[in-house]
C-alpha atoms as a PDB file:
ATOM      1  CA  MET A   1     109.647  23.459  15.176  1.00  0.00           C
ATOM      2  CA  ASN A   2     106.750  24.260  12.860  1.00  0.00           C
ATOM      3  CA  ARG A   3     106.132  20.596  12.058  1.00  0.00           C
ATOM      4  CA  LEU A   4     106.292  19.654  15.738  1.00  0.00           C
ATOM      5  CA  TYR A   5     103.907  22.477  16.585  1.00  0.00           C
ATOM      6  CA  TRP A   6     101.251  21.210  14.178  1.00  0.00           C
ATOM      7  CA  VAL A   7     101.694  17.563  15.173  1.00  0.00           C
ATOM      8  CA  VAL A   8     101.271  18.265  18.884  1.00  0.00           C
ATOM      9  CA  THR A   9      98.435  20.731  18.315  1.00  0.00           C
ATOM     10  CA  ALA A  10      96.594  18.184  16.141  1.00  0.00           C
ATOM     11  CA  LEU A  11      97.152  15.479  18.774  1.00  0.00           C
ATOM     12  CA  LEU A  12      95.841  17.615  21.611  1.00  0.00           C
ATOM     13  CA  GLY A  13      93.004  19.163  19.643  1.00  0.00           C
ATOM     14  CA  GLY A  14      91.842  15.836  18.247  1.00  0.00           C
ATOM     15  CA  GLY A  15      91.997  14.217  21.674  1.00  0.00           C
ATOM     16  CA  LEU A  16      90.027  17.052  23.257  1.00  0.00           C
ATOM     17  CA  LEU A  17      87.333  16.847  20.564  1.00  0.00           C
ATOM     18  CA  LEU A  18      87.011  13.094  21.074  1.00  0.00           C
ATOM     19  CA  LEU A  19      86.602  13.621  24.807  1.00  0.00           C
ATOM     20  CA  LEU A  20      83.946  16.291  24.293  1.00  0.00           C
ATOM     21  CA  PHE A  21      81.978  14.146  21.861  1.00  0.00           C
ATOM     22  CA  ASN A  22      82.170  11.073  24.109  1.00  0.00           C
ATOM     23  CA  HIS A  23      81.775  12.696  27.540  1.00  0.00           C
ATOM     24  CA  SER A  24      78.225  11.361  27.947  1.00  0.00           C
ATOM     25  CA  SER A  25      79.240   7.753  27.219  1.00  0.00           C
ATOM     26  CA  GLY A  26      82.213   7.928  29.597  1.00  0.00           C
ATOM     27  CA  GLU A  27      84.529   6.065  27.197  1.00  0.00           C
ATOM     28  CA  THR A  28      86.762   7.006  24.272  1.00  0.00           C
ATOM     29  CA  LEU A  29      88.369   4.334  22.080  1.00  0.00           C
ATOM     30  CA  GLY A  30      87.767   1.693  24.738  1.00  0.00           C
ATOM     31  CA  LEU A  31      89.266   3.723  27.611  1.00  0.00           C
ATOM     32  CA  ASN A  32      87.413   5.676  30.245  1.00  0.00           C
ATOM     33  CA  ASN A  33      87.636   9.387  29.516  1.00  0.00           C
ATOM     34  CA  ASP A  34      89.946  10.204  32.413  1.00  0.00           C
ATOM     35  CA  SER A  35      92.463   7.559  31.311  1.00  0.00           C
ATOM     36  CA  PHE A  36      92.211   8.676  27.686  1.00  0.00           C
ATOM     37  CA  GLY A  37      92.817  12.299  28.706  1.00  0.00           C
ATOM     38  CA  GLN A  38      95.884  11.296  30.708  1.00  0.00           C
ATOM     39  CA  LEU A  39      97.145   9.259  27.741  1.00  0.00           C
ATOM     40  CA  ILE A  40      96.817  12.225  25.373  1.00  0.00           C
ATOM     41  CA  TYR A  41      98.555  14.488  27.881  1.00  0.00           C
ATOM     42  CA  ALA A  42     101.404  12.040  28.473  1.00  0.00           C
ATOM     43  CA  GLY A  43     101.826  11.295  24.753  1.00  0.00           C
ATOM     44  CA  ALA A  44     102.006  14.963  23.780  1.00  0.00           C
ATOM     45  CA  LEU A  45     104.415  15.753  26.594  1.00  0.00           C
ATOM     46  CA  ALA A  46     106.637  12.794  25.708  1.00  0.00           C
ATOM     47  CA  LEU A  47     106.657  13.868  22.050  1.00  0.00           C
ATOM     48  CA  VAL A  48     107.715  17.397  22.943  1.00  0.00           C
ATOM     49  CA  ILE A  49     110.396  16.330  25.422  1.00  0.00           C
ATOM     50  CA  GLY A  50     111.741  13.672  23.052  1.00  0.00           C
ATOM     51  CA  ALA A  51     111.931  16.112  20.167  1.00  0.00           C
ATOM     52  CA  GLY A  52     113.689  18.655  22.357  1.00  0.00           C
ATOM     53  CA  ILE A  53     116.292  16.119  23.458  1.00  0.00           C
ATOM     54  CA  LEU A  54     116.914  14.735  19.986  1.00  0.00           C
ATOM     55  CA  ARG A  55     117.232  18.069  18.236  1.00  0.00           C
ATOM     56  CA  ARG A  56     120.797  19.002  17.486  1.00  0.00           C
ATOM     57  CA  GLY A  57     122.348  22.386  17.075  1.00  0.00           C
ATOM     58  CA  THR A  58     120.011  24.014  19.552  1.00  0.00           C
ATOM     59  CA  ARG A  59     121.223  25.720  22.697  1.00  0.00           C
ATOM     60  CA  LEU A  60     120.046  24.380  26.027  1.00  0.00           C
ATOM     61  CA  GLY A  61     118.316  27.663  26.897  1.00  0.00           C
ATOM     62  CA  ASP A  62     116.297  27.627  23.663  1.00  0.00           C
ATOM     63  CA  THR A  63     115.359  23.996  24.213  1.00  0.00           C
ATOM     64  CA  LEU A  64     114.153  24.676  27.759  1.00  0.00           C
ATOM     65  CA  ARG A  65     112.106  27.670  26.595  1.00  0.00           C
ATOM     66  CA  SER A  66     110.477  25.543  23.895  1.00  0.00           C
ATOM     67  CA  LEU A  67     109.713  22.791  26.391  1.00  0.00           C
ATOM     68  CA  ALA A  68     108.206  25.301  28.807  1.00  0.00           C
ATOM     69  CA  LEU A  69     106.006  26.702  26.027  1.00  0.00           C
ATOM     70  CA  TRP A  70     104.748  23.253  25.099  1.00  0.00           C
ATOM     71  CA  VAL A  71     104.079  22.365  28.725  1.00  0.00           C
ATOM     72  CA  LEU A  72     101.898  25.484  28.972  1.00  0.00           C
ATOM     73  CA  ILE A  73     100.032  24.495  25.794  1.00  0.00           C
ATOM     74  CA  VAL A  74      99.460  20.974  27.115  1.00  0.00           C
ATOM     75  CA  LEU A  75      98.245  22.336  30.457  1.00  0.00           C
ATOM     76  CA  ALA A  76      95.845  24.675  28.620  1.00  0.00           C
ATOM     77  CA  PHE A  77      94.297  21.711  26.799  1.00  0.00           C
ATOM     78  CA  VAL A  78      94.073  19.729  30.038  1.00  0.00           C
ATOM     79  CA  ALA A  79      92.361  22.673  31.744  1.00  0.00           C
ATOM     80  CA  GLY A  80      89.948  22.878  28.810  1.00  0.00           C
ATOM     81  CA  TYR A  81      88.984  19.244  29.356  1.00  0.00           C
ATOM     82  CA  GLN A  82      88.662  19.590  33.124  1.00  0.00           C
ATOM     83  CA  TYR A  83      86.326  22.573  32.685  1.00  0.00           C
ATOM     84  CA  ARG A  84      84.499  21.049  29.711  1.00  0.00           C
ATOM     85  CA  TYR A  85      81.081  21.192  31.388  1.00  0.00           C
ATOM     86  CA  GLU A  86      81.472  24.882  32.222  1.00  0.00           C
ATOM     87  CA  LEU A  87      82.676  25.575  28.669  1.00  0.00           C
ATOM     88  CA  GLN A  88      79.721  23.642  27.232  1.00  0.00           C
ATOM     89  CA  ASP A  89      77.365  25.678  29.417  1.00  0.00           C
ATOM     90  CA  ILE A  90      78.907  28.911  28.131  1.00  0.00           C
ATOM     91  CA  ALA A  91      78.675  27.662  24.539  1.00  0.00           C
ATOM     92  CA  SER A  92      75.010  26.687  24.961  1.00  0.00           C
ATOM     93  CA  ARG A  93      74.200  30.090  26.460  1.00  0.00           C
ATOM     94  CA  VAL A  94      75.857  31.871  23.546  1.00  0.00           C
ATOM     95  CA  THR A  95      74.021  29.611  21.082  1.00  0.00           C
ATOM     96  CA  ALA A  96      70.707  30.255  22.846  1.00  0.00           C
ATOM     97  CA  GLY A  97      71.265  33.974  22.465  1.00  0.00           C
ATOM     98  CA  LEU A  98      72.017  33.630  18.753  1.00  0.00           C
ATOM     99  CA  VAL A  99      69.508  30.920  17.773  1.00  0.00           C
ATOM    100  CA  PRO A 100      65.971  31.332  19.242  1.00  0.00           C
ATOM    101  CA  GLY A 101      64.730  28.281  21.132  1.00  0.00           C
ATOM    102  CA  SER A 102      68.157  26.695  21.557  1.00  0.00           C
ATOM    103  CA  PRO A 103      68.211  24.688  24.795  1.00  0.00           C
ATOM    104  CA  MET A 104      70.814  25.335  27.503  1.00  0.00           C
ATOM    105  CA  SER A 105      71.825  22.018  29.064  1.00  0.00           C
ATOM    106  CA  ALA A 106      73.358  21.693  32.532  1.00  0.00           C
ATOM    107  CA  LEU A 107      73.419  19.458  35.613  1.00  0.00           C
ATOM    108  CA  ASP A 108      71.659  20.341  38.855  1.00  0.00           C
ATOM    109  CA  GLY A 109      73.019  19.740  42.353  1.00  0.00           C
ATOM    110  CA  ASN A 110      71.808  16.125  42.253  1.00  0.00           C
ATOM    111  CA  GLY A 111      73.548  15.380  38.964  1.00  0.00           C
ATOM    112  CA  ARG A 112      70.306  15.357  36.941  1.00  0.00           C
ATOM    113  CA  ALA A 113      70.152  16.900  33.501  1.00  0.00           C
ATOM    114  CA  THR A 114      68.334  20.215  33.216  1.00  0.00           C
ATOM    115  CA  VAL A 115      67.397  22.193  30.123  1.00  0.00           C
ATOM    116  CA  THR A 116      66.634  25.910  30.152  1.00  0.00           C
ATOM    117  CA  LEU A 117      64.560  27.592  27.454  1.00  0.00           C
ATOM    118  CA  ASP A 118      64.323  31.328  26.881  1.00  0.00           C
ATOM    119  CA  LYS A 119      61.070  33.097  26.103  1.00  0.00           C
ATOM    120  CA  LEU A 120      60.771  34.215  22.499  1.00  0.00           C
ATOM    121  CA  PRO A 121      59.806  37.746  21.422  1.00  0.00           C
ATOM    122  CA  ASN A 122      56.247  36.478  20.787  1.00  0.00           C
ATOM    123  CA  GLY A 123      55.868  35.662  24.486  1.00  0.00           C
ATOM    124  CA  HIS A 124      55.997  31.867  24.090  1.00  0.00           C
ATOM    125  CA  PHE A 125      58.770  29.445  24.977  1.00  0.00           C
ATOM    126  CA  GLY A 126      60.477  27.969  21.934  1.00  0.00           C
ATOM    127  CA  ALA A 127      62.120  24.561  21.822  1.00  0.00           C
ATOM    128  CA  ARG A 128      64.730  23.692  19.210  1.00  0.00           C
ATOM    129  CA  MET A 129      64.762  19.909  19.428  1.00  0.00           C
ATOM    130  CA  GLN A 130      65.775  16.845  17.427  1.00  0.00           C
ATOM    131  CA  ILE A 131      63.192  14.294  16.314  1.00  0.00           C
ATOM    132  CA  ASN A 132      64.746  11.207  14.754  1.00  0.00           C
ATOM    133  CA  GLY A 133      67.860  13.341  14.264  1.00  0.00           C
ATOM    134  CA  ALA A 134      66.073  16.164  12.409  1.00  0.00           C
ATOM    135  CA  THR A 135      66.071  19.645  13.930  1.00  0.00           C
ATOM    136  CA  ILE A 136      62.546  20.871  14.636  1.00  0.00           C
ATOM    137  CA  GLN A 137      61.577  24.307  15.948  1.00  0.00           C
ATOM    138  CA  ALA A 138      58.550  23.858  18.227  1.00  0.00           C
ATOM    139  CA  MET A 139      56.583  25.942  20.678  1.00  0.00           C
ATOM    140  CA  VAL A 140      56.128  24.705  24.246  1.00  0.00           C
ATOM    141  CA  ASP A 141      52.409  24.236  24.934  1.00  0.00           C
ATOM    142  CA  THR A 142      51.550  22.949  28.413  1.00  0.00           C
ATOM    143  CA  GLY A 143      47.891  22.945  27.363  1.00  0.00           C
ATOM    144  CA  ALA A 144      48.507  20.349  24.651  1.00  0.00           C
ATOM    145  CA  THR A 145      48.231  16.768  25.853  1.00  0.00           C
ATOM    146  CA  SER A 146      50.440  15.512  23.028  1.00  0.00           C
ATOM    147  CA  THR A 147      53.355  16.746  20.974  1.00  0.00           C
ATOM    148  CA  VAL A 148      52.011  17.742  17.560  1.00  0.00           C
ATOM    149  CA  LEU A 149      53.999  18.204  14.357  1.00  0.00           C
ATOM    150  CA  THR A 150      53.174  20.092  11.216  1.00  0.00           C
ATOM    151  CA  THR A 151      53.251  18.029   8.046  1.00  0.00           C
ATOM    152  CA  ALA A 152      56.456  19.820   6.996  1.00  0.00           C
ATOM    153  CA  ASP A 153      58.213  18.958  10.274  1.00  0.00           C
ATOM    154  CA  ALA A 154      56.888  15.385  10.146  1.00  0.00           C
ATOM    155  CA  ARG A 155      58.416  15.033   6.696  1.00  0.00           C
ATOM    156  CA  LYS A 156      61.748  16.353   8.022  1.00  0.00           C
ATOM    157  CA  ALA A 157      61.613  13.746  10.803  1.00  0.00           C
ATOM    158  CA  GLY A 158      61.247  10.935   8.259  1.00  0.00           C
ATOM    159  CA  PHE A 159      57.463  10.441   8.152  1.00  0.00           C
ATOM    160  CA  ASP A 160      55.449  10.460   4.933  1.00  0.00           C
ATOM    161  CA  PRO A 161      52.255  12.483   5.521  1.00  0.00           C
ATOM    162  CA  ALA A 162      50.674  10.926   2.428  1.00  0.00           C
ATOM    163  CA  SER A 163      50.766   7.506   4.106  1.00  0.00           C
ATOM    164  CA  LEU A 164      49.205   8.666   7.381  1.00  0.00           C
ATOM    165  CA  SER A 165      45.571   8.393   8.412  1.00  0.00           C
ATOM    166  CA  PHE A 166      44.266  11.773   9.631  1.00  0.00           C
ATOM    167  CA  THR A 167      41.265  10.645  11.636  1.00  0.00           C
ATOM    168  CA  ILE A 168      41.795  12.282  15.056  1.00  0.00           C
ATOM    169  CA  PRO A 169      40.059  15.677  15.532  1.00  0.00           C
ATOM    170  CA  VAL A 170      42.259  18.284  17.238  1.00  0.00           C
ATOM    171  CA  SER A 171      41.648  21.902  18.170  1.00  0.00           C
ATOM    172  CA  THR A 172      44.072  24.492  16.791  1.00  0.00           C
ATOM    173  CA  ALA A 173      44.203  28.288  16.772  1.00  0.00           C
ATOM    174  CA  ASN A 174      42.583  28.175  13.335  1.00  0.00           C
ATOM    175  CA  GLY A 175      39.800  25.809  14.327  1.00  0.00           C
ATOM    176  CA  ILE A 176      39.339  22.061  14.198  1.00  0.00           C
ATOM    177  CA  ALA A 177      41.900  20.046  12.257  1.00  0.00           C
ATOM    178  CA  HIS A 178      42.577  16.347  11.930  1.00  0.00           C
ATOM    179  CA  ALA A 179      45.686  14.525  13.043  1.00  0.00           C
ATOM    180  CA  ALA A 180      47.393  11.174  12.588  1.00  0.00           C
ATOM    181  CA  ARG A 181      49.204   9.155  15.223  1.00  0.00           C
ATOM    182  CA  ILE A 182      52.922   8.460  14.851  1.00  0.00           C
ATOM    183  CA  THR A 183      55.732   7.289  17.127  1.00  0.00           C
ATOM    184  CA  ALA A 184      59.100   9.042  17.078  1.00  0.00           C
ATOM    185  CA  GLY A 185      62.041   6.777  17.754  1.00  0.00           C
ATOM    186  CA  SER A 186      63.986   9.579  19.433  1.00  0.00           C
ATOM    187  CA  VAL A 187      62.998  13.009  20.732  1.00  0.00           C
ATOM    188  CA  GLN A 188      65.858  15.042  22.162  1.00  0.00           C
ATOM    189  CA  LEU A 189      65.750  18.464  23.768  1.00  0.00           C
ATOM    190  CA  GLY A 190      69.272  19.429  24.778  1.00  0.00           C
ATOM    191  CA  SER A 191      70.592  16.687  27.052  1.00  0.00           C
ATOM    192  CA  ILE A 192      67.102  15.248  27.733  1.00  0.00           C
ATOM    193  CA  GLU A 193      66.016  12.429  25.441  1.00  0.00           C
ATOM    194  CA  ARG A 194      62.942  10.223  25.202  1.00  0.00           C
ATOM    195  CA  LYS A 195      62.652   7.090  23.079  1.00  0.00           C
ATOM    196  CA  ASN A 196      59.560   5.849  21.212  1.00  0.00           C
ATOM    197  CA  LEU A 197      57.456   8.884  22.047  1.00  0.00           C
ATOM    198  CA  PRO A 198      53.876   8.885  20.649  1.00  0.00           C
ATOM    199  CA  MET A 199      52.846  12.124  18.965  1.00  0.00           C
ATOM    200  CA  LEU A 200      50.475  13.539  16.382  1.00  0.00           C
ATOM    201  CA  VAL A 201      50.773  15.080  12.925  1.00  0.00           C
ATOM    202  CA  ALA A 202      48.209  17.741  12.044  1.00  0.00           C
ATOM    203  CA  ASP A 203      47.078  17.831   8.419  1.00  0.00           C
ATOM    204  CA  GLN A 204      46.359  21.578   8.437  1.00  0.00           C
ATOM    205  CA  GLY A 205      45.661  24.574  10.664  1.00  0.00           C
ATOM    206  CA  LEU A 206      48.910  24.259  12.625  1.00  0.00           C
ATOM    207  CA  GLU A 207      51.500  26.928  11.845  1.00  0.00           C
ATOM    208  CA  GLN A 208      54.196  25.587  14.195  1.00  0.00           C
ATOM    209  CA  SER A 209      54.852  22.255  15.857  1.00  0.00           C
ATOM    210  CA  LEU A 210      53.976  21.973  19.549  1.00  0.00           C
ATOM    211  CA  LEU A 211      55.938  20.339  22.351  1.00  0.00           C
ATOM    212  CA  GLY A 212      53.179  18.937  24.538  1.00  0.00           C
ATOM    213  CA  MET A 213      52.667  17.359  27.922  1.00  0.00           C
ATOM    214  CA  ASN A 214      53.429  13.791  26.863  1.00  0.00           C
ATOM    215  CA  PHE A 215      57.090  14.907  26.735  1.00  0.00           C
ATOM    216  CA  ILE A 216      57.002  17.493  29.538  1.00  0.00           C
ATOM    217  CA  GLY A 217      54.994  15.169  31.798  1.00  0.00           C
ATOM    218  CA  SER A 218      57.738  12.538  31.564  1.00  0.00           C
ATOM    219  CA  LEU A 219      60.134  14.889  33.365  1.00  0.00           C
ATOM    220  CA  SER A 220      60.674  15.060  37.113  1.00  0.00           C
ATOM    221  CA  GLY A 221      59.490  18.673  37.027  1.00  0.00           C
ATOM    222  CA  PHE A 222      59.615  22.064  35.382  1.00  0.00           C
ATOM    223  CA  ASP A 223      59.129  25.655  36.439  1.00  0.00           C
ATOM    224  CA  VAL A 224      59.080  29.112  34.931  1.00  0.00           C
ATOM    225  CA  ARG A 225      61.305  31.848  36.325  1.00  0.00           C
ATOM    226  CA  GLY A 226      60.683  35.128  34.579  1.00  0.00           C
ATOM    227  CA  ASP A 227      61.631  34.713  30.947  1.00  0.00           C
ATOM    228  CA  ARG A 228      63.075  31.227  31.425  1.00  0.00           C
ATOM    229  CA  MET A 229      61.583  27.760  31.633  1.00  0.00           C
ATOM    230  CA  ILE A 230      63.663  25.113  33.384  1.00  0.00           C
ATOM    231  CA  LEU A 231      62.997  21.449  32.591  1.00  0.00           C
ATOM    232  CA  ARG A 232      64.420  18.760  34.902  1.00  0.00           C
ATOM    233  CA  ASP A 233      64.971  15.189  33.736  1.00  0.00           C
END
C-alpha cells in the first residue's frame, strides 16, 4: 500500500506540475493539455484499480475502501488542474503580498493578459520583472520615455557596462547623467512579455531601474485604481 501510494502520488503530482508549467504553450509531451490531463487521470486510476484487483489476501471491503480513497485523491488532482488559473491567481496574490513589486497575472473578460502591481510603501509602483531571464526590481515611471537600468541591473541582465558607450544625456533625481543604448532580448512582467525592447543604461545617478513608457506604451492600456496599477496586454 505504501509503495502504491507513493507511485500514484508521484504520477499525479508530476503530471500536474507538467501541466502547470506548460499551460501557456497548450501542449505537454506532444499532447494538448486536456488530453494529457485525461491520460494522467486514466493511468493513475487504472494503476489503482489494477493493484486492488491483483492484491491477494485482502478483504473485498478493504479493497473497495482503498479504491474509493484513491478515486478521491485522483479527483482532487483533477480539480486542482481544472482550477489551475484560480490557484495561480491566489499564488500570485500571496507572492505579491510577501515580495514587494511582484506582479499578479490574470486574464480579463476578453481573454487578454493583465498584470496588477501594488503600490510600495514609498508611494511608487514597483515592478519585479525579468530581463533576459534575470530578475530586476524596477520602479514604474510613466514620465520616463524609455526603460532605464542601473549598471548593476544591466550587468545582471547580461550586459557589460564597460563595453557600453555612455553618450546620451538623461535627467535623474540626482541631476544629469549619461546613458548607453542597449536592446533586451526579452522583457517579461508577469504574463506580459516584449521581445527586443530598446532601453538605456545609466552610468550613474540612478538608484533604481525604471520601467518606462516604451514598455507601458506597447500595452493596450493601463489604469490606476487606488493602490493598484492594472496593465493590459
